[in-house]
C-alpha atoms as a PDB file:
ATOM      1  CA  MET A   1      71.373 205.101 115.200  1.00  0.00           C
ATOM      2  CA  ARG A   2      71.242 202.186 117.636  1.00  0.00           C
ATOM      3  CA  VAL A   3      73.233 199.066 116.719  1.00  0.00           C
ATOM      4  CA  LEU A   4      73.135 195.711 118.489  1.00  0.00           C
ATOM      5  CA  LEU A   5      76.694 194.383 118.070  1.00  0.00           C
ATOM      6  CA  ASP A   6      77.518 190.744 118.815  1.00  0.00           C
ATOM      7  CA  THR A   7      80.769 190.893 120.811  1.00  0.00           C
ATOM      8  CA  THR A   8      80.798 187.220 121.843  1.00  0.00           C
ATOM      9  CA  PHE A   9      84.110 186.663 120.039  1.00  0.00           C
ATOM     10  CA  LEU A  10      85.901 188.756 122.666  1.00  0.00           C
ATOM     11  CA  ARG A  11      85.547 185.755 124.999  1.00  0.00           C
ATOM     12  CA  ARG A  12      87.892 183.650 122.846  1.00  0.00           C
ATOM     13  CA  GLY A  13      91.079 185.411 123.887  1.00  0.00           C
ATOM     14  CA  PRO A  14      93.515 187.604 121.926  1.00  0.00           C
ATOM     15  CA  THR A  15      92.757 187.386 118.200  1.00  0.00           C
ATOM     16  CA  GLY A  16      92.575 189.763 115.277  1.00  0.00           C
ATOM     17  CA  THR A  17      88.779 189.699 115.480  1.00  0.00           C
ATOM     18  CA  GLY A  18      89.010 190.469 119.191  1.00  0.00           C
ATOM     19  CA  VAL A  19      91.238 193.483 118.509  1.00  0.00           C
ATOM     20  CA  TYR A  20      88.756 194.640 115.881  1.00  0.00           C
ATOM     21  CA  LEU A  21      85.879 194.513 118.364  1.00  0.00           C
ATOM     22  CA  GLU A  22      87.877 196.228 121.111  1.00  0.00           C
ATOM     23  CA  ARG A  23      88.705 199.134 118.820  1.00  0.00           C
ATOM     24  CA  ILE A  24      85.594 199.542 116.685  1.00  0.00           C
ATOM     25  CA  VAL A  25      83.117 199.856 119.575  1.00  0.00           C
ATOM     26  CA  PRO A  26      84.619 203.059 121.063  1.00  0.00           C
ATOM     27  CA  ALA A  27      85.279 204.431 117.559  1.00  0.00           C
ATOM     28  CA  LEU A  28      81.590 204.025 116.675  1.00  0.00           C
ATOM     29  CA  ARG A  29      80.514 205.619 119.955  1.00  0.00           C
ATOM     30  CA  ASP A  30      82.795 208.576 119.244  1.00  0.00           C
ATOM     31  CA  LEU A  31      80.767 209.117 116.052  1.00  0.00           C
ATOM     32  CA  GLY A  32      77.508 209.148 118.011  1.00  0.00           C
ATOM     33  CA  VAL A  33      76.411 205.584 117.226  1.00  0.00           C
ATOM     34  CA  GLU A  34      74.617 203.976 120.162  1.00  0.00           C
ATOM     35  CA  VAL A  35      76.262 200.561 120.413  1.00  0.00           C
ATOM     36  CA  VAL A  36      74.506 197.891 122.474  1.00  0.00           C
ATOM     37  CA  GLU A  37      76.870 194.975 123.079  1.00  0.00           C
ATOM     38  CA  ALA A  38      75.472 191.444 123.125  1.00  0.00           C
ATOM     39  CA  VAL A  39      77.475 188.501 124.507  1.00  0.00           C
ATOM     40  CA  ASN A  40      76.505 184.834 124.315  1.00  0.00           C
ATOM     41  CA  ASP A  41      77.592 183.692 127.789  1.00  0.00           C
ATOM     42  CA  ARG A  42      76.732 180.060 126.994  1.00  0.00           C
ATOM     43  CA  ARG A  43      79.142 179.843 124.060  1.00  0.00           C
ATOM     44  CA  GLY A  44      82.045 177.521 124.861  1.00  0.00           C
ATOM     45  CA  PRO A  45      85.636 177.872 123.631  1.00  0.00           C
ATOM     46  CA  PRO A  46      86.587 176.325 120.270  1.00  0.00           C
ATOM     47  CA  ALA A  47      86.420 172.553 120.715  1.00  0.00           C
ATOM     48  CA  GLY A  48      88.478 171.397 117.739  1.00  0.00           C
ATOM     49  CA  GLY A  49      85.822 168.997 116.450  1.00  0.00           C
ATOM     50  CA  GLY A  50      83.737 166.248 117.999  1.00  0.00           C
ATOM     51  CA  LEU A  51      80.833 166.615 120.400  1.00  0.00           C
ATOM     52  CA  GLY A  52      82.099 169.937 121.763  1.00  0.00           C
ATOM     53  CA  SER A  53      81.945 171.508 118.323  1.00  0.00           C
ATOM     54  CA  VAL A  54      78.424 170.152 117.808  1.00  0.00           C
ATOM     55  CA  ARG A  55      77.340 171.748 121.091  1.00  0.00           C
ATOM     56  CA  ASN A  56      78.902 175.059 120.081  1.00  0.00           C
ATOM     57  CA  ALA A  57      77.161 174.949 116.700  1.00  0.00           C
ATOM     58  CA  LEU A  58      73.783 174.337 118.348  1.00  0.00           C
ATOM     59  CA  ARG A  59      74.347 177.166 120.822  1.00  0.00           C
ATOM     60  CA  ASP A  60      75.406 179.478 118.002  1.00  0.00           C
ATOM     61  CA  ARG A  61      72.240 178.648 116.077  1.00  0.00           C
ATOM     62  CA  ALA A  62      69.990 179.318 119.078  1.00  0.00           C
ATOM     63  CA  TRP A  63      71.843 182.561 119.761  1.00  0.00           C
ATOM     64  CA  GLU A  64      71.528 183.799 116.177  1.00  0.00           C
ATOM     65  CA  GLU A  65      67.947 182.688 115.536  1.00  0.00           C
ATOM     66  CA  VAL A  66      66.309 183.347 118.907  1.00  0.00           C
ATOM     67  CA  GLU A  67      68.340 185.369 121.373  1.00  0.00           C
ATOM     68  CA  LEU A  68      69.844 188.061 119.125  1.00  0.00           C
ATOM     69  CA  PRO A  69      66.469 188.971 117.548  1.00  0.00           C
ATOM     70  CA  ARG A  70      64.932 189.063 121.052  1.00  0.00           C
ATOM     71  CA  ARG A  71      67.665 191.381 122.307  1.00  0.00           C
ATOM     72  CA  ALA A  72      67.342 193.570 119.229  1.00  0.00           C
ATOM     73  CA  ARG A  73      63.634 194.014 119.929  1.00  0.00           C
ATOM     74  CA  ALA A  74      64.269 194.722 123.614  1.00  0.00           C
ATOM     75  CA  ALA A  75      66.951 197.301 122.796  1.00  0.00           C
ATOM     76  CA  GLY A  76      64.978 198.971 120.015  1.00  0.00           C
ATOM     77  CA  ALA A  77      67.945 198.395 117.705  1.00  0.00           C
ATOM     78  CA  ASP A  78      67.928 199.749 114.165  1.00  0.00           C
ATOM     79  CA  VAL A  79      70.526 197.206 112.997  1.00  0.00           C
ATOM     80  CA  ILE A  80      71.999 193.889 114.139  1.00  0.00           C
ATOM     81  CA  HIS A  81      75.729 193.698 113.455  1.00  0.00           C
ATOM     82  CA  HIS A  82      77.374 190.278 113.419  1.00  0.00           C
ATOM     83  CA  ALA A  83      81.156 190.541 113.912  1.00  0.00           C
ATOM     84  CA  LEU A  84      81.599 187.316 111.909  1.00  0.00           C
ATOM     85  CA  PRO A  85      79.615 185.767 109.032  1.00  0.00           C
ATOM     86  CA  ALA A  86      76.212 185.024 110.592  1.00  0.00           C
ATOM     87  CA  ALA A  87      72.632 186.105 109.986  1.00  0.00           C
ATOM     88  CA  SER A  88      69.260 185.383 111.574  1.00  0.00           C
ATOM     89  CA  ARG A  89      66.238 184.379 109.543  1.00  0.00           C
ATOM     90  CA  ARG A  90      63.946 185.647 112.314  1.00  0.00           C
ATOM     91  CA  ALA A  91      65.322 189.153 112.764  1.00  0.00           C
ATOM     92  CA  ARG A  92      62.907 191.957 111.904  1.00  0.00           C
ATOM     93  CA  VAL A  93      65.580 194.623 111.553  1.00  0.00           C
ATOM     94  CA  PRO A  94      68.353 194.956 108.956  1.00  0.00           C
ATOM     95  CA  GLN A  95      71.479 192.885 109.475  1.00  0.00           C
ATOM     96  CA  VAL A  96      75.122 193.624 108.733  1.00  0.00           C
ATOM     97  CA  LEU A  97      78.070 191.255 109.061  1.00  0.00           C
ATOM     98  CA  THR A  98      81.823 191.707 108.982  1.00  0.00           C
ATOM     99  CA  LEU A  99      83.792 189.544 106.583  1.00  0.00           C
ATOM    100  CA  HIS A 100      87.457 189.354 107.575  1.00  0.00           C
ATOM    101  CA  ASP A 101      88.848 187.033 104.930  1.00  0.00           C
ATOM    102  CA  LEU A 102      88.107 184.070 102.696  1.00  0.00           C
ATOM    103  CA  ALA A 103      91.315 182.239 103.543  1.00  0.00           C
ATOM    104  CA  PHE A 104      89.529 178.874 103.634  1.00  0.00           C
ATOM    105  CA  GLU A 105      88.546 179.452 100.005  1.00  0.00           C
ATOM    106  CA  ARG A 106      91.898 180.795  98.825  1.00  0.00           C
ATOM    107  CA  ARG A 107      94.123 178.402 100.823  1.00  0.00           C
ATOM    108  CA  PRO A 108      91.895 175.333 101.413  1.00  0.00           C
ATOM    109  CA  ALA A 109      94.796 173.001 102.273  1.00  0.00           C
ATOM    110  CA  ALA A 110      95.452 175.037 105.433  1.00  0.00           C
ATOM    111  CA  PHE A 111      92.023 174.191 106.915  1.00  0.00           C
ATOM    112  CA  ASP A 112      90.261 171.110 108.208  1.00  0.00           C
ATOM    113  CA  PRO A 113      87.989 169.809 105.413  1.00  0.00           C
ATOM    114  CA  ARG A 114      85.001 169.697 107.785  1.00  0.00           C
ATOM    115  CA  PHE A 115      85.422 173.345 108.753  1.00  0.00           C
ATOM    116  CA  ARG A 116      85.994 174.297 105.133  1.00  0.00           C
ATOM    117  CA  ALA A 117      82.770 172.624 104.015  1.00  0.00           C
ATOM    118  CA  PHE A 118      80.806 174.180 106.868  1.00  0.00           C
ATOM    119  CA  ALA A 119      82.208 177.678 106.330  1.00  0.00           C
ATOM    120  CA  ARG A 120      81.705 177.598 102.582  1.00  0.00           C
ATOM    121  CA  ARG A 121      78.048 176.738 103.087  1.00  0.00           C
ATOM    122  CA  ALA A 122      77.145 178.684 106.243  1.00  0.00           C
ATOM    123  CA  HIS A 123      79.288 181.798 105.828  1.00  0.00           C
ATOM    124  CA  ARG A 124      78.348 182.276 102.192  1.00  0.00           C
ATOM    125  CA  ALA A 125      74.638 181.861 103.006  1.00  0.00           C
ATOM    126  CA  ALA A 126      74.917 184.419 105.828  1.00  0.00           C
ATOM    127  CA  ALA A 127      76.700 186.923 103.595  1.00  0.00           C
ATOM    128  CA  ARG A 128      74.030 186.567 100.927  1.00  0.00           C
ATOM    129  CA  ARG A 129      71.265 186.980 103.501  1.00  0.00           C
ATOM    130  CA  ALA A 130      72.754 190.105 105.108  1.00  0.00           C
ATOM    131  CA  ASP A 131      71.512 193.536 104.075  1.00  0.00           C
ATOM    132  CA  ALA A 132      75.099 194.805 103.878  1.00  0.00           C
ATOM    133  CA  VAL A 133      78.557 193.257 104.256  1.00  0.00           C
ATOM    134  CA  ILE A 134      81.537 195.036 105.784  1.00  0.00           C
ATOM    135  CA  ALA A 135      84.808 193.826 104.225  1.00  0.00           C
ATOM    136  CA  ILE A 136      87.965 194.781 106.098  1.00  0.00           C
ATOM    137  CA  SER A 137      89.934 195.226 102.867  1.00  0.00           C
ATOM    138  CA  GLN A 138      89.566 195.591  99.138  1.00  0.00           C
ATOM    139  CA  THR A 139      91.106 192.112  98.938  1.00  0.00           C
ATOM    140  CA  THR A 140      88.280 190.566 100.953  1.00  0.00           C
ATOM    141  CA  ALA A 141      85.669 192.557  99.036  1.00  0.00           C
ATOM    142  CA  ARG A 142      87.009 191.289  95.713  1.00  0.00           C
ATOM    143  CA  ASP A 143      87.091 187.712  97.010  1.00  0.00           C
ATOM    144  CA  ALA A 144      83.476 187.955  98.232  1.00  0.00           C
ATOM    145  CA  ALA A 145      82.319 189.226  94.858  1.00  0.00           C
ATOM    146  CA  ALA A 146      84.362 186.749  92.812  1.00  0.00           C
ATOM    147  CA  LEU A 147      83.904 183.598  94.910  1.00  0.00           C
ATOM    148  CA  TRP A 148      80.489 184.110  96.483  1.00  0.00           C
ATOM    149  CA  GLY A 149      78.782 186.276  93.886  1.00  0.00           C
ATOM    150  CA  LEU A 150      78.022 189.149  96.268  1.00  0.00           C
ATOM    151  CA  ALA A 151      76.982 192.358  94.550  1.00  0.00           C
ATOM    152  CA  PRO A 152      79.617 195.091  94.962  1.00  0.00           C
ATOM    153  CA  ARG A 153      76.855 197.544  95.946  1.00  0.00           C
ATOM    154  CA  ASP A 154      76.175 195.400  99.030  1.00  0.00           C
ATOM    155  CA  ILE A 155      79.816 195.479 100.210  1.00  0.00           C
ATOM    156  CA  VAL A 156      81.368 198.387 102.113  1.00  0.00           C
ATOM    157  CA  VAL A 157      85.137 198.330 102.586  1.00  0.00           C
ATOM    158  CA  ALA A 158      86.284 199.374 106.047  1.00  0.00           C
ATOM    159  CA  GLN A 159      90.057 199.045 106.357  1.00  0.00           C
ATOM    160  CA  LEU A 160      91.097 198.579 109.966  1.00  0.00           C
ATOM    161  CA  GLY A 161      93.144 200.929 112.092  1.00  0.00           C
ATOM    162  CA  CYS A 162      96.247 199.956 114.000  1.00  0.00           C
ATOM    163  CA  GLY A 163      95.565 197.212 116.520  1.00  0.00           C
ATOM    164  CA  GLN A 164      97.491 197.592 119.766  1.00  0.00           C
ATOM    165  CA  GLU A 165      99.406 200.734 118.687  1.00  0.00           C
ATOM    166  CA  PRO A 166     102.826 199.995 120.147  1.00  0.00           C
ATOM    167  CA  PRO A 167     104.652 203.245 120.907  1.00  0.00           C
ATOM    168  CA  PRO A 168     106.806 204.532 118.039  1.00  0.00           C
ATOM    169  CA  ARG A 169     110.425 203.744 118.734  1.00  0.00           C
ATOM    170  CA  PRO A 170     113.300 206.232 118.424  1.00  0.00           C
ATOM    171  CA  ASP A 171     114.939 206.729 115.065  1.00  0.00           C
ATOM    172  CA  PRO A 172     117.490 205.175 114.923  1.00  0.00           C
ATOM    173  CA  PRO A 173     116.449 202.483 117.414  1.00  0.00           C
ATOM    174  CA  PRO A 174     118.779 202.010 120.400  1.00  0.00           C
ATOM    175  CA  ALA A 175     118.789 198.212 120.009  1.00  0.00           C
ATOM    176  CA  GLU A 176     117.828 195.691 117.337  1.00  0.00           C
ATOM    177  CA  ARG A 177     118.078 192.375 119.123  1.00  0.00           C
ATOM    178  CA  HIS A 178     115.801 189.900 117.356  1.00  0.00           C
ATOM    179  CA  PHE A 179     113.530 189.061 114.483  1.00  0.00           C
ATOM    180  CA  LEU A 180     109.933 189.072 115.713  1.00  0.00           C
ATOM    181  CA  TYR A 181     106.932 186.905 114.841  1.00  0.00           C
ATOM    182  CA  VAL A 182     103.556 187.841 116.357  1.00  0.00           C
ATOM    183  CA  GLY A 183     100.696 185.336 116.116  1.00  0.00           C
ATOM    184  CA  ASP A 184      99.717 181.720 116.523  1.00  0.00           C
ATOM    185  CA  ALA A 185     100.568 178.412 114.881  1.00  0.00           C
ATOM    186  CA  GLU A 186      97.394 178.095 112.805  1.00  0.00           C
ATOM    187  CA  PRO A 187      98.399 176.325 109.553  1.00  0.00           C
ATOM    188  CA  ARG A 188      97.759 179.314 107.300  1.00  0.00           C
ATOM    189  CA  LYS A 189     100.170 181.388 109.413  1.00  0.00           C
ATOM    190  CA  ASN A 190     102.926 179.258 107.847  1.00  0.00           C
ATOM    191  CA  LEU A 191     105.121 179.048 110.943  1.00  0.00           C
ATOM    192  CA  PRO A 192     107.055 175.915 109.789  1.00  0.00           C
ATOM    193  CA  VAL A 193     108.488 177.840 106.838  1.00  0.00           C
ATOM    194  CA  LEU A 194     109.658 180.628 109.156  1.00  0.00           C
ATOM    195  CA  LEU A 195     111.295 178.140 111.544  1.00  0.00           C
ATOM    196  CA  SER A 196     112.990 176.297 108.687  1.00  0.00           C
ATOM    197  CA  ALA A 197     114.214 179.570 107.211  1.00  0.00           C
ATOM    198  CA  HIS A 198     115.612 180.777 110.522  1.00  0.00           C
ATOM    199  CA  ALA A 199     117.462 177.478 111.025  1.00  0.00           C
ATOM    200  CA  ARG A 200     119.046 177.830 107.567  1.00  0.00           C
ATOM    201  CA  TYR A 201     119.905 181.462 108.283  1.00  0.00           C
ATOM    202  CA  ARG A 202     121.768 180.356 111.429  1.00  0.00           C
ATOM    203  CA  GLU A 203     123.569 177.579 109.539  1.00  0.00           C
ATOM    204  CA  ARG A 204     124.941 180.288 107.215  1.00  0.00           C
ATOM    205  CA  GLY A 205     126.288 182.315 110.124  1.00  0.00           C
ATOM    206  CA  GLY A 206     123.272 184.472 111.015  1.00  0.00           C
ATOM    207  CA  ARG A 207     123.366 185.658 114.612  1.00  0.00           C
ATOM    208  CA  VAL A 208     120.002 187.368 115.234  1.00  0.00           C
ATOM    209  CA  PRO A 209     117.576 185.226 117.277  1.00  0.00           C
ATOM    210  CA  LEU A 210     113.886 184.796 116.495  1.00  0.00           C
ATOM    211  CA  VAL A 211     111.207 185.631 119.072  1.00  0.00           C
ATOM    212  CA  LEU A 212     107.736 184.070 118.783  1.00  0.00           C
ATOM    213  CA  ALA A 213     105.213 186.324 120.540  1.00  0.00           C
ATOM    214  CA  GLY A 214     101.666 185.061 121.028  1.00  0.00           C
ATOM    215  CA  SER A 215     100.381 181.515 121.231  1.00  0.00           C
ATOM    216  CA  ALA A 216     102.913 179.921 118.849  1.00  0.00           C
ATOM    217  CA  ARG A 217     105.377 177.459 120.361  1.00  0.00           C
ATOM    218  CA  ALA A 218     108.653 175.960 119.129  1.00  0.00           C
ATOM    219  CA  ARG A 219     111.744 174.245 120.483  1.00  0.00           C
ATOM    220  CA  GLN A 220     114.587 175.206 118.215  1.00  0.00           C
ATOM    221  CA  ALA A 221     118.056 176.663 118.630  1.00  0.00           C
ATOM    222  CA  GLY A 222     118.000 180.441 118.339  1.00  0.00           C
ATOM    223  CA  VAL A 223     114.248 180.666 118.921  1.00  0.00           C
ATOM    224  CA  THR A 224     112.620 181.960 122.116  1.00  0.00           C
ATOM    225  CA  VAL A 225     108.945 182.117 123.010  1.00  0.00           C
ATOM    226  CA  GLU A 226     107.031 185.006 124.600  1.00  0.00           C
ATOM    227  CA  PRO A 227     103.643 183.450 125.445  1.00  0.00           C
ATOM    228  CA  LEU A 228     100.725 185.890 125.170  1.00  0.00           C
ATOM    229  CA  PRO A 229     102.675 189.069 126.013  1.00  0.00           C
ATOM    230  CA  THR A 230     100.874 192.017 127.573  1.00  0.00           C
ATOM    231  CA  PRO A 231     100.531 195.112 125.355  1.00  0.00           C
ATOM    232  CA  GLN A 232     103.376 196.706 127.308  1.00  0.00           C
ATOM    233  CA  ARG A 233     105.647 193.702 126.804  1.00  0.00           C
ATOM    234  CA  LEU A 234     104.704 193.468 123.131  1.00  0.00           C
ATOM    235  CA  GLY A 235     105.611 197.132 122.768  1.00  0.00           C
ATOM    236  CA  ARG A 236     109.082 196.397 124.145  1.00  0.00           C
ATOM    237  CA  LEU A 237     109.463 193.452 121.767  1.00  0.00           C
ATOM    238  CA  TYR A 238     108.593 195.694 118.828  1.00  0.00           C
ATOM    239  CA  ALA A 239     110.997 198.371 120.089  1.00  0.00           C
ATOM    240  CA  GLN A 240     113.910 195.907 120.018  1.00  0.00           C
ATOM    241  CA  ALA A 241     113.031 194.099 116.780  1.00  0.00           C
ATOM    242  CA  LEU A 242     115.351 194.183 113.797  1.00  0.00           C
ATOM    243  CA  ALA A 243     112.238 193.347 111.743  1.00  0.00           C
ATOM    244  CA  LEU A 244     108.790 191.818 111.985  1.00  0.00           C
ATOM    245  CA  VAL A 245     108.650 188.624 109.911  1.00  0.00           C
ATOM    246  CA  HIS A 246     105.132 187.777 108.721  1.00  0.00           C
ATOM    247  CA  PRO A 247     104.985 184.479 106.772  1.00  0.00           C
ATOM    248  CA  ALA A 248     101.183 183.998 106.553  1.00  0.00           C
ATOM    249  CA  LEU A 249      99.854 182.392 103.377  1.00  0.00           C
ATOM    250  CA  HIS A 250      96.714 184.525 103.328  1.00  0.00           C
ATOM    251  CA  GLU A 251      95.358 187.466 105.328  1.00  0.00           C
ATOM    252  CA  GLY A 252      92.325 189.612 104.770  1.00  0.00           C
ATOM    253  CA  PHE A 253      94.248 192.554 106.199  1.00  0.00           C
ATOM    254  CA  GLY A 254      97.773 192.947 107.565  1.00  0.00           C
ATOM    255  CA  LEU A 255      96.919 193.949 111.141  1.00  0.00           C
ATOM    256  CA  THR A 256     100.214 192.815 112.668  1.00  0.00           C
ATOM    257  CA  PRO A 257     102.352 194.393 109.900  1.00  0.00           C
ATOM    258  CA  LEU A 258     100.381 197.611 110.431  1.00  0.00           C
ATOM    259  CA  GLU A 259     101.279 197.532 114.135  1.00  0.00           C
ATOM    260  CA  ALA A 260     104.944 197.099 113.213  1.00  0.00           C
ATOM    261  CA  MET A 261     104.861 199.936 110.678  1.00  0.00           C
ATOM    262  CA  HIS A 262     103.212 202.199 113.241  1.00  0.00           C
ATOM    263  CA  ALA A 263     106.093 201.486 115.633  1.00  0.00           C
ATOM    264  CA  GLY A 264     108.710 202.059 112.941  1.00  0.00           C
ATOM    265  CA  VAL A 265     109.732 198.387 112.726  1.00  0.00           C
ATOM    266  CA  PRO A 266     110.791 197.108 109.271  1.00  0.00           C
ATOM    267  CA  VAL A 267     108.437 194.496 107.823  1.00  0.00           C
ATOM    268  CA  LEU A 268     109.499 191.354 105.964  1.00  0.00           C
ATOM    269  CA  ALA A 269     106.357 189.580 104.758  1.00  0.00           C
ATOM    270  CA  ALA A 270     105.094 186.796 102.537  1.00  0.00           C
ATOM    271  CA  ARG A 271     103.495 188.282  99.467  1.00  0.00           C
ATOM    272  CA  SER A 272      99.724 187.865  99.792  1.00  0.00           C
ATOM    273  CA  PRO A 273      97.090 190.307  98.504  1.00  0.00           C
ATOM    274  CA  GLY A 274      95.716 191.495 101.866  1.00  0.00           C
ATOM    275  CA  VAL A 275      99.157 192.235 103.304  1.00  0.00           C
ATOM    276  CA  VAL A 276     100.327 193.904 100.081  1.00  0.00           C
ATOM    277  CA  GLU A 277      97.223 196.096 100.261  1.00  0.00           C
ATOM    278  CA  THR A 278      98.137 197.110 103.810  1.00  0.00           C
ATOM    279  CA  CYS A 279     101.887 197.581 103.402  1.00  0.00           C
ATOM    280  CA  GLY A 280     102.301 198.747  99.813  1.00  0.00           C
ATOM    281  CA  ASP A 281     105.944 199.674  99.186  1.00  0.00           C
ATOM    282  CA  ALA A 282     106.741 199.754 102.915  1.00  0.00           C
ATOM    283  CA  ALA A 283     107.794 196.091 103.212  1.00  0.00           C
ATOM    284  CA  ASP A 284     110.238 193.605 101.768  1.00  0.00           C
ATOM    285  CA  TRP A 285     108.589 190.490 100.320  1.00  0.00           C
ATOM    286  CA  PHE A 286     109.342 186.784 100.058  1.00  0.00           C
ATOM    287  CA  ASP A 287     107.757 183.647  98.596  1.00  0.00           C
ATOM    288  CA  PRO A 288     105.811 181.954 101.435  1.00  0.00           C
ATOM    289  CA  TYR A 289     106.728 178.492 100.090  1.00  0.00           C
ATOM    290  CA  ASP A 290     110.476 179.126  99.904  1.00  0.00           C
ATOM    291  CA  PRO A 291     112.309 178.849 103.258  1.00  0.00           C
ATOM    292  CA  ASP A 292     115.677 179.152 101.500  1.00  0.00           C
ATOM    293  CA  GLY A 293     114.617 182.457  99.968  1.00  0.00           C
ATOM    294  CA  LEU A 294     113.399 183.691 103.345  1.00  0.00           C
ATOM    295  CA  ALA A 295     116.729 182.706 104.944  1.00  0.00           C
ATOM    296  CA  THR A 296     118.499 184.809 102.310  1.00  0.00           C
ATOM    297  CA  ALA A 297     116.138 187.721 102.992  1.00  0.00           C
ATOM    298  CA  LEU A 298     116.784 187.548 106.750  1.00  0.00           C
ATOM    299  CA  ALA A 299     120.543 187.704 106.165  1.00  0.00           C
ATOM    300  CA  ALA A 300     120.197 190.546 103.667  1.00  0.00           C
ATOM    301  CA  LEU A 301     118.139 192.638 106.062  1.00  0.00           C
ATOM    302  CA  GLU A 302     120.536 191.960 108.942  1.00  0.00           C
ATOM    303  CA  GLY A 303     123.438 193.208 106.859  1.00  0.00           C
ATOM    304  CA  ASP A 304     121.755 196.348 105.487  1.00  0.00           C
ATOM    305  CA  PRO A 305     121.001 198.981 108.151  1.00  0.00           C
ATOM    306  CA  ALA A 306     120.253 201.577 105.456  1.00  0.00           C
ATOM    307  CA  ARG A 307     117.489 199.368 104.055  1.00  0.00           C
ATOM    308  CA  ARG A 308     116.073 198.871 107.538  1.00  0.00           C
ATOM    309  CA  ALA A 309     116.011 202.632 108.092  1.00  0.00           C
ATOM    310  CA  ASP A 310     114.269 203.139 104.737  1.00  0.00           C
ATOM    311  CA  LEU A 311     111.621 200.508 105.523  1.00  0.00           C
ATOM    312  CA  SER A 312     111.068 202.054 108.949  1.00  0.00           C
ATOM    313  CA  ALA A 313     110.430 205.495 107.453  1.00  0.00           C
ATOM    314  CA  ARG A 314     108.192 204.109 104.714  1.00  0.00           C
ATOM    315  CA  GLY A 315     106.227 202.108 107.280  1.00  0.00           C
ATOM    316  CA  ARG A 316     105.563 205.109 109.518  1.00  0.00           C
ATOM    317  CA  ARG A 317     104.230 207.075 106.551  1.00  0.00           C
ATOM    318  CA  ARG A 318     102.111 204.144 105.393  1.00  0.00           C
ATOM    319  CA  ALA A 319     100.626 203.468 108.841  1.00  0.00           C
ATOM    320  CA  ALA A 320      99.540 207.101 109.182  1.00  0.00           C
ATOM    321  CA  GLY A 321      96.916 206.500 106.479  1.00  0.00           C
ATOM    322  CA  PHE A 322      94.917 204.024 108.608  1.00  0.00           C
ATOM    323  CA  SER A 323      92.626 204.959 111.490  1.00  0.00           C
ATOM    324  CA  TRP A 324      89.738 203.523 113.493  1.00  0.00           C
ATOM    325  CA  GLU A 325      87.753 206.713 112.953  1.00  0.00           C
ATOM    326  CA  ARG A 326      87.874 206.148 109.215  1.00  0.00           C
ATOM    327  CA  CYS A 327      86.979 202.496 109.753  1.00  0.00           C
ATOM    328  CA  ALA A 328      84.020 203.475 111.937  1.00  0.00           C
ATOM    329  CA  ARG A 329      82.725 205.939 109.326  1.00  0.00           C
ATOM    330  CA  ALA A 330      82.664 203.114 106.787  1.00  0.00           C
ATOM    331  CA  HIS A 331      80.671 201.041 109.305  1.00  0.00           C
ATOM    332  CA  VAL A 332      78.109 203.825 109.543  1.00  0.00           C
ATOM    333  CA  GLU A 333      77.903 203.804 105.747  1.00  0.00           C
ATOM    334  CA  ALA A 334      77.201 200.043 105.842  1.00  0.00           C
ATOM    335  CA  TYR A 335      74.470 200.502 108.480  1.00  0.00           C
ATOM    336  CA  THR A 336      72.898 203.203 106.307  1.00  0.00           C
ATOM    337  CA  VAL A 337      72.994 200.928 103.259  1.00  0.00           C
ATOM    338  CA  ALA A 338      71.359 198.129 105.246  1.00  0.00           C
ATOM    339  CA  CYS A 339      68.601 200.399 106.587  1.00  0.00           C
ATOM    340  CA  SER A 340      67.791 201.695 103.108  1.00  0.00           C
ATOM    341  CA  ARG A 341      66.847 198.205 101.832  1.00  0.00           C
END
């Protein structure tokens, strides 16, 4: 099977979708799928609204309606795979798209109203037009069926594997020096609640600092920033973490908690369906709207090494059930469904 896969999103820097593309391409090739990568070199970075966003939208439309179908014909592709919700009305081969989450539907206040209106219209139309939809979790599949009316037979669930696979740390760990947050400051990531909770934790005598790793920034006592760490540096941050703290309001899949579990790092997470699906009983949970409750949870975990050891062991066992090979096999199932239409 020959698949034309749109990998343009890799140009936007380190993101969950970028990790997905980096890992799924070799996993598909290992299964014998001939993957032809297609990159829109004219696509600019996210513009945050205004004329730049209009230009990007026009370039995206030309790419989807003209260039991708042309490349599919030239490559003799059996399927076009869009890594995000998109679909061409001019393509003459089956189309598949990956649906990561419906956060803008479930947590609308965390998104710009203009983006929300656009995504609700354009992403839903693309999903309905596609011959098959890959959902990265049961959570996303249920949301697509309930909110967009997609038929369950058209959705294939492909849970992700571990993203950057930090090396498993020794048990017990030689040092637990900080709480760790990995991600950006996008509103749905709920960083203000984490910062407020950590400040309250320190006011009550807590001594463990918080490290923000990624593109998030903050100036606050007890908080340090590790901007865009390399995989090697991120591995060291995981190795020295007392716990990963994941406050996001909504996720389609808990990719960062899965990385932490793989490394044997305890996970303390906001309770949201996608992360619960990923972590199961291998995490401690808190209310994402309650910084006081999170401050209490940070102190409790600091003072309970036996609980940390239990979460570490549970996380390692839980993470072992996820793999990119399994994810890739589900992709092949989706391509087969699309080609049978």
